N, C-alpha and C. Protein backbone atom coordinates (compact mmCIF):
# COMPACT_ATOMS: atom_id res chain seq x y z
N UNK A 1 84.40 109.97 37.44
CA UNK A 1 83.90 110.69 38.58
C UNK A 1 84.27 112.17 38.50
N UNK A 2 85.52 112.47 38.14
CA UNK A 2 85.97 113.85 38.06
C UNK A 2 85.98 114.37 36.63
N UNK A 3 85.38 113.64 35.71
CA UNK A 3 85.39 114.08 34.31
C UNK A 3 84.66 115.40 34.12
N UNK A 4 83.52 115.56 34.80
CA UNK A 4 82.76 116.80 34.64
C UNK A 4 83.52 117.99 35.20
N UNK A 5 84.24 117.80 36.29
CA UNK A 5 85.06 118.87 36.85
C UNK A 5 86.19 119.23 35.90
N UNK A 6 86.82 118.21 35.32
CA UNK A 6 87.88 118.46 34.34
C UNK A 6 87.35 119.19 33.13
N UNK A 7 86.16 118.80 32.65
CA UNK A 7 85.56 119.47 31.50
C UNK A 7 85.25 120.93 31.82
N UNK A 8 84.80 121.21 33.03
CA UNK A 8 84.50 122.58 33.42
C UNK A 8 85.78 123.44 33.41
N UNK A 9 86.87 122.90 33.97
CA UNK A 9 88.13 123.64 33.98
C UNK A 9 88.67 123.84 32.57
N UNK A 10 88.56 122.83 31.74
CA UNK A 10 89.00 122.98 30.35
C UNK A 10 88.18 124.02 29.61
N UNK A 11 86.86 124.00 29.79
CA UNK A 11 86.01 124.99 29.13
C UNK A 11 86.33 126.40 29.63
N UNK A 12 86.53 126.57 30.93
CA UNK A 12 86.86 127.88 31.48
C UNK A 12 88.22 128.36 30.96
N UNK A 13 89.18 127.47 30.89
CA UNK A 13 90.50 127.84 30.35
C UNK A 13 90.42 128.21 28.88
N UNK A 14 89.63 127.47 28.11
CA UNK A 14 89.49 127.77 26.69
C UNK A 14 88.81 129.13 26.49
N UNK A 15 87.76 129.39 27.24
CA UNK A 15 87.05 130.67 27.10
C UNK A 15 87.97 131.83 27.49
N UNK A 16 88.73 131.68 28.57
CA UNK A 16 89.66 132.73 28.98
C UNK A 16 90.75 132.97 27.95
N UNK A 17 91.34 131.89 27.43
CA UNK A 17 92.39 132.04 26.41
C UNK A 17 91.83 132.63 25.13
N UNK A 18 90.63 132.21 24.75
CA UNK A 18 90.02 132.74 23.53
C UNK A 18 89.74 134.23 23.68
N UNK A 19 89.30 134.68 24.84
CA UNK A 19 89.04 136.09 25.05
C UNK A 19 90.31 136.92 24.93
N UNK A 20 91.41 136.41 25.46
CA UNK A 20 92.68 137.13 25.37
C UNK A 20 93.16 137.19 23.92
N UNK A 21 93.07 136.07 23.20
CA UNK A 21 93.54 136.03 21.81
C UNK A 21 92.68 136.93 20.92
N UNK A 22 91.37 136.84 21.06
CA UNK A 22 90.49 137.66 20.23
C UNK A 22 90.70 139.14 20.54
N UNK A 23 90.87 139.49 21.79
CA UNK A 23 91.13 140.88 22.16
C UNK A 23 92.44 141.39 21.57
N UNK A 24 93.46 140.54 21.58
CA UNK A 24 94.75 140.95 21.03
C UNK A 24 94.69 141.09 19.51
N UNK A 25 93.92 140.24 18.84
CA UNK A 25 93.83 140.30 17.38
C UNK A 25 92.93 141.43 16.90
N UNK A 26 91.81 141.64 17.53
CA UNK A 26 90.83 142.61 17.05
C UNK A 26 90.90 143.95 17.74
N UNK A 27 91.59 144.06 18.84
CA UNK A 27 91.64 145.31 19.60
C UNK A 27 92.49 146.37 18.92
N UNK A 28 92.25 147.63 19.24
CA UNK A 28 93.05 148.71 18.67
C UNK A 28 94.49 148.65 19.17
N UNK A 29 95.37 149.08 18.31
CA UNK A 29 96.81 148.98 18.62
C UNK A 29 97.47 150.34 18.87
N UNK A 30 96.75 151.43 18.65
CA UNK A 30 97.35 152.76 18.78
C UNK A 30 97.19 153.28 20.21
N UNK A 31 98.29 153.64 20.81
CA UNK A 31 98.27 154.22 22.15
C UNK A 31 98.66 155.69 22.05
N UNK A 32 97.78 156.56 22.46
CA UNK A 32 98.06 157.99 22.44
C UNK A 32 98.15 158.54 23.84
N UNK A 33 98.37 159.84 23.95
CA UNK A 33 98.48 160.42 25.29
C UNK A 33 97.18 160.31 26.09
N UNK A 34 96.03 160.35 25.39
CA UNK A 34 94.77 160.22 26.11
C UNK A 34 94.59 158.82 26.67
N UNK A 35 95.01 157.81 25.93
CA UNK A 35 94.86 156.43 26.41
C UNK A 35 95.86 156.11 27.51
N UNK A 36 97.00 156.74 27.50
CA UNK A 36 98.02 156.46 28.50
C UNK A 36 97.86 157.30 29.77
N UNK A 37 96.94 158.27 29.76
CA UNK A 37 96.73 159.12 30.93
C UNK A 37 95.98 158.35 32.02
N UNK A 38 96.23 158.72 33.26
CA UNK A 38 95.52 158.11 34.38
C UNK A 38 94.07 158.53 34.33
N UNK A 39 93.18 157.61 34.63
CA UNK A 39 91.74 157.87 34.56
C UNK A 39 91.12 157.56 35.90
N UNK A 40 90.37 158.54 36.42
CA UNK A 40 89.75 158.33 37.71
C UNK A 40 88.38 159.02 37.72
N UNK A 41 87.34 158.25 37.61
CA UNK A 41 85.96 158.73 37.71
C UNK A 41 85.63 159.78 36.67
N UNK A 42 86.26 159.74 35.52
CA UNK A 42 85.95 160.67 34.46
C UNK A 42 86.57 162.04 34.64
N UNK A 43 87.35 162.22 35.69
CA UNK A 43 88.00 163.50 35.94
C UNK A 43 89.50 163.38 35.72
N UNK A 44 90.13 164.43 35.26
CA UNK A 44 91.59 164.37 35.13
C UNK A 44 92.24 164.19 36.50
N UNK A 45 93.29 163.41 36.53
CA UNK A 45 93.98 163.15 37.79
C UNK A 45 94.69 164.41 38.26
N UNK A 46 94.57 164.68 39.55
CA UNK A 46 95.26 165.83 40.13
C UNK A 46 96.12 165.35 41.29
N UNK A 47 97.21 165.98 41.48
CA UNK A 47 98.09 165.60 42.58
C UNK A 47 98.88 164.33 42.25
N UNK A 48 99.55 163.83 43.27
CA UNK A 48 100.35 162.63 43.07
C UNK A 48 99.65 161.45 43.72
N UNK A 49 100.15 160.28 43.43
CA UNK A 49 99.61 159.07 44.04
C UNK A 49 100.26 158.79 45.38
N UNK A 50 101.12 159.63 45.82
CA UNK A 50 101.88 159.41 47.06
C UNK A 50 101.33 160.20 48.23
N UNK A 51 100.01 160.36 48.29
CA UNK A 51 99.41 161.09 49.40
C UNK A 51 99.37 160.22 50.65
N UNK A 52 99.40 160.88 51.79
CA UNK A 52 99.30 160.16 53.05
C UNK A 52 97.84 160.09 53.48
N UNK A 53 97.45 158.92 53.97
CA UNK A 53 96.12 158.72 54.49
C UNK A 53 96.22 158.38 55.97
N UNK A 54 95.24 158.77 56.74
CA UNK A 54 95.26 158.37 58.15
C UNK A 54 95.21 156.85 58.29
N UNK A 55 95.83 156.34 59.31
CA UNK A 55 95.91 154.90 59.51
C UNK A 55 94.54 154.31 59.82
N UNK A 56 93.59 155.13 60.21
CA UNK A 56 92.24 154.64 60.52
C UNK A 56 91.60 153.97 59.31
N UNK A 57 91.85 154.47 58.11
CA UNK A 57 91.28 153.86 56.92
C UNK A 57 91.73 152.41 56.81
N UNK A 58 93.00 152.17 57.01
CA UNK A 58 93.54 150.82 56.88
C UNK A 58 93.05 149.92 58.01
N UNK A 59 93.01 150.45 59.22
CA UNK A 59 92.58 149.64 60.36
C UNK A 59 91.10 149.25 60.23
N UNK A 60 90.27 150.18 59.80
CA UNK A 60 88.86 149.86 59.62
C UNK A 60 88.69 148.85 58.49
N UNK A 61 89.47 148.98 57.42
CA UNK A 61 89.40 148.01 56.33
C UNK A 61 89.82 146.62 56.81
N UNK A 62 90.87 146.54 57.61
CA UNK A 62 91.30 145.24 58.14
C UNK A 62 90.25 144.66 59.07
N UNK A 63 89.62 145.50 59.88
CA UNK A 63 88.57 145.01 60.76
C UNK A 63 87.38 144.49 59.95
N UNK A 64 87.04 145.19 58.88
CA UNK A 64 85.94 144.72 58.04
C UNK A 64 86.27 143.35 57.46
N UNK A 65 87.48 143.18 56.98
CA UNK A 65 87.88 141.90 56.40
C UNK A 65 87.85 140.81 57.46
N UNK A 66 88.36 141.11 58.65
CA UNK A 66 88.36 140.12 59.73
C UNK A 66 86.95 139.67 60.08
N UNK A 67 86.04 140.61 60.26
CA UNK A 67 84.69 140.24 60.66
C UNK A 67 83.90 139.64 59.50
N UNK A 68 84.26 139.98 58.28
CA UNK A 68 83.63 139.37 57.13
C UNK A 68 84.06 137.91 56.99
N UNK A 69 85.34 137.65 57.15
CA UNK A 69 85.84 136.28 57.09
C UNK A 69 85.31 135.48 58.27
N UNK A 70 85.19 136.12 59.39
CA UNK A 70 84.63 135.46 60.57
C UNK A 70 83.22 134.97 60.30
N UNK A 71 82.44 135.75 59.59
CA UNK A 71 81.07 135.32 59.25
C UNK A 71 81.10 134.10 58.34
N UNK A 72 82.10 133.99 57.49
CA UNK A 72 82.20 132.84 56.58
C UNK A 72 82.50 131.55 57.35
N UNK A 73 83.11 131.65 58.51
CA UNK A 73 83.41 130.45 59.30
C UNK A 73 82.17 129.85 59.94
N UNK A 74 81.09 130.60 60.00
CA UNK A 74 79.87 130.07 60.59
C UNK A 74 79.09 129.18 59.62
N UNK A 75 79.31 129.29 58.32
CA UNK A 75 78.56 128.47 57.37
C UNK A 75 78.84 126.98 57.52
N UNK A 76 80.11 126.53 57.56
CA UNK A 76 80.33 125.10 57.78
C UNK A 76 79.80 124.63 59.13
N UNK A 77 79.87 125.49 60.12
CA UNK A 77 79.35 125.14 61.44
C UNK A 77 77.84 124.93 61.37
N UNK A 78 77.16 125.79 60.65
CA UNK A 78 75.70 125.68 60.53
C UNK A 78 75.30 124.45 59.72
N UNK A 79 76.12 124.09 58.73
CA UNK A 79 75.79 122.93 57.90
C UNK A 79 75.89 121.65 58.70
N UNK A 80 76.89 121.53 59.53
CA UNK A 80 77.12 120.31 60.31
C UNK A 80 76.51 120.37 61.71
N UNK A 81 75.69 121.36 62.00
CA UNK A 81 75.18 121.55 63.35
C UNK A 81 74.33 120.37 63.82
N UNK A 82 73.62 119.71 62.92
CA UNK A 82 72.76 118.61 63.32
C UNK A 82 73.51 117.39 63.81
N UNK A 83 74.79 117.24 63.47
CA UNK A 83 75.55 116.06 63.86
C UNK A 83 75.97 116.08 65.32
N UNK A 84 76.42 117.23 65.79
CA UNK A 84 76.86 117.34 67.19
C UNK A 84 76.50 118.72 67.70
N UNK A 85 75.23 118.95 68.01
CA UNK A 85 74.80 120.31 68.34
C UNK A 85 75.46 120.91 69.59
N UNK A 86 75.65 120.11 70.65
CA UNK A 86 76.24 120.68 71.86
C UNK A 86 77.70 121.06 71.64
N UNK A 87 78.45 120.18 70.98
CA UNK A 87 79.86 120.45 70.73
C UNK A 87 80.04 121.65 69.82
N UNK A 88 79.27 121.72 68.75
CA UNK A 88 79.40 122.83 67.81
C UNK A 88 78.90 124.14 68.41
N UNK A 89 77.87 124.07 69.25
CA UNK A 89 77.42 125.28 69.93
C UNK A 89 78.51 125.81 70.86
N UNK A 90 79.17 124.92 71.58
CA UNK A 90 80.27 125.34 72.46
C UNK A 90 81.41 125.95 71.65
N UNK A 91 81.72 125.36 70.50
CA UNK A 91 82.76 125.92 69.65
C UNK A 91 82.39 127.31 69.15
N UNK A 92 81.12 127.49 68.78
CA UNK A 92 80.66 128.79 68.30
C UNK A 92 80.74 129.83 69.41
N UNK A 93 80.38 129.45 70.62
CA UNK A 93 80.46 130.39 71.75
C UNK A 93 81.90 130.79 72.02
N UNK A 94 82.82 129.83 71.99
CA UNK A 94 84.24 130.14 72.19
C UNK A 94 84.75 131.05 71.09
N UNK A 95 84.37 130.78 69.86
CA UNK A 95 84.79 131.59 68.71
C UNK A 95 84.29 133.03 68.85
N UNK A 96 83.03 133.19 69.20
CA UNK A 96 82.46 134.53 69.37
C UNK A 96 83.10 135.23 70.56
N UNK A 97 83.43 134.51 71.60
CA UNK A 97 84.10 135.12 72.76
C UNK A 97 85.48 135.64 72.38
N UNK A 98 86.22 134.87 71.61
CA UNK A 98 87.54 135.34 71.17
C UNK A 98 87.40 136.59 70.31
N UNK A 99 86.41 136.60 69.42
CA UNK A 99 86.17 137.79 68.60
C UNK A 99 85.74 138.98 69.44
N UNK A 100 84.96 138.73 70.47
CA UNK A 100 84.52 139.82 71.35
C UNK A 100 85.70 140.43 72.08
N UNK A 101 86.62 139.59 72.52
CA UNK A 101 87.82 140.12 73.19
C UNK A 101 88.61 141.01 72.23
N UNK A 102 88.75 140.56 70.99
CA UNK A 102 89.45 141.38 69.99
C UNK A 102 88.71 142.67 69.70
N UNK A 103 87.39 142.61 69.64
CA UNK A 103 86.59 143.80 69.37
C UNK A 103 86.69 144.79 70.53
N UNK A 104 86.66 144.31 71.75
CA UNK A 104 86.82 145.19 72.91
C UNK A 104 88.20 145.83 72.90
N UNK A 105 89.22 145.07 72.53
CA UNK A 105 90.58 145.62 72.44
C UNK A 105 90.62 146.75 71.41
N UNK A 106 89.99 146.53 70.27
CA UNK A 106 89.99 147.54 69.21
C UNK A 106 89.26 148.80 69.68
N UNK A 107 88.16 148.64 70.38
CA UNK A 107 87.41 149.79 70.87
C UNK A 107 88.24 150.56 71.91
N UNK A 108 88.90 149.83 72.81
CA UNK A 108 89.70 150.50 73.84
C UNK A 108 90.91 151.22 73.25
N UNK A 109 91.46 150.71 72.16
CA UNK A 109 92.59 151.37 71.51
C UNK A 109 92.14 152.60 70.74
N UNK A 110 90.84 152.74 70.51
CA UNK A 110 90.32 153.92 69.82
C UNK A 110 90.41 153.85 68.31
N UNK A 111 90.47 152.65 67.77
CA UNK A 111 90.59 152.51 66.32
C UNK A 111 89.35 153.05 65.62
N UNK A 112 88.19 152.86 66.23
CA UNK A 112 86.95 153.27 65.57
C UNK A 112 86.53 154.70 65.91
N UNK A 113 87.35 155.43 66.65
CA UNK A 113 87.04 156.83 66.98
C UNK A 113 87.55 157.73 65.86
N UNK A 114 86.64 158.42 65.20
CA UNK A 114 87.01 159.33 64.12
C UNK A 114 87.02 160.75 64.69
N UNK A 115 88.21 161.30 64.79
CA UNK A 115 88.34 162.63 65.39
C UNK A 115 88.46 163.68 64.33
């Protein structure tokens, strides 16, 4: 029953290990200053990596992840919707209401205001 799944994992592991081994055997071995330099969009790196960023960048990124993951929770609900439509609809409404409360909180805190 699980033989095909085992074969898939074995094949994926073999391909991954083979890629690492072939890269180590055939890849170049010389490291110079150009190869060891930081590379960013084809331009030489300027400044340090210790710059300060406004907290808005992080908060918006976390909000994006939260709402993106929230969308993923609707797929299992949609798949099983035919089994108990009233119960699952009520669950979806409660879930969206909780998210709306969080979204209103974020708006009132001014997280999405770019000054």
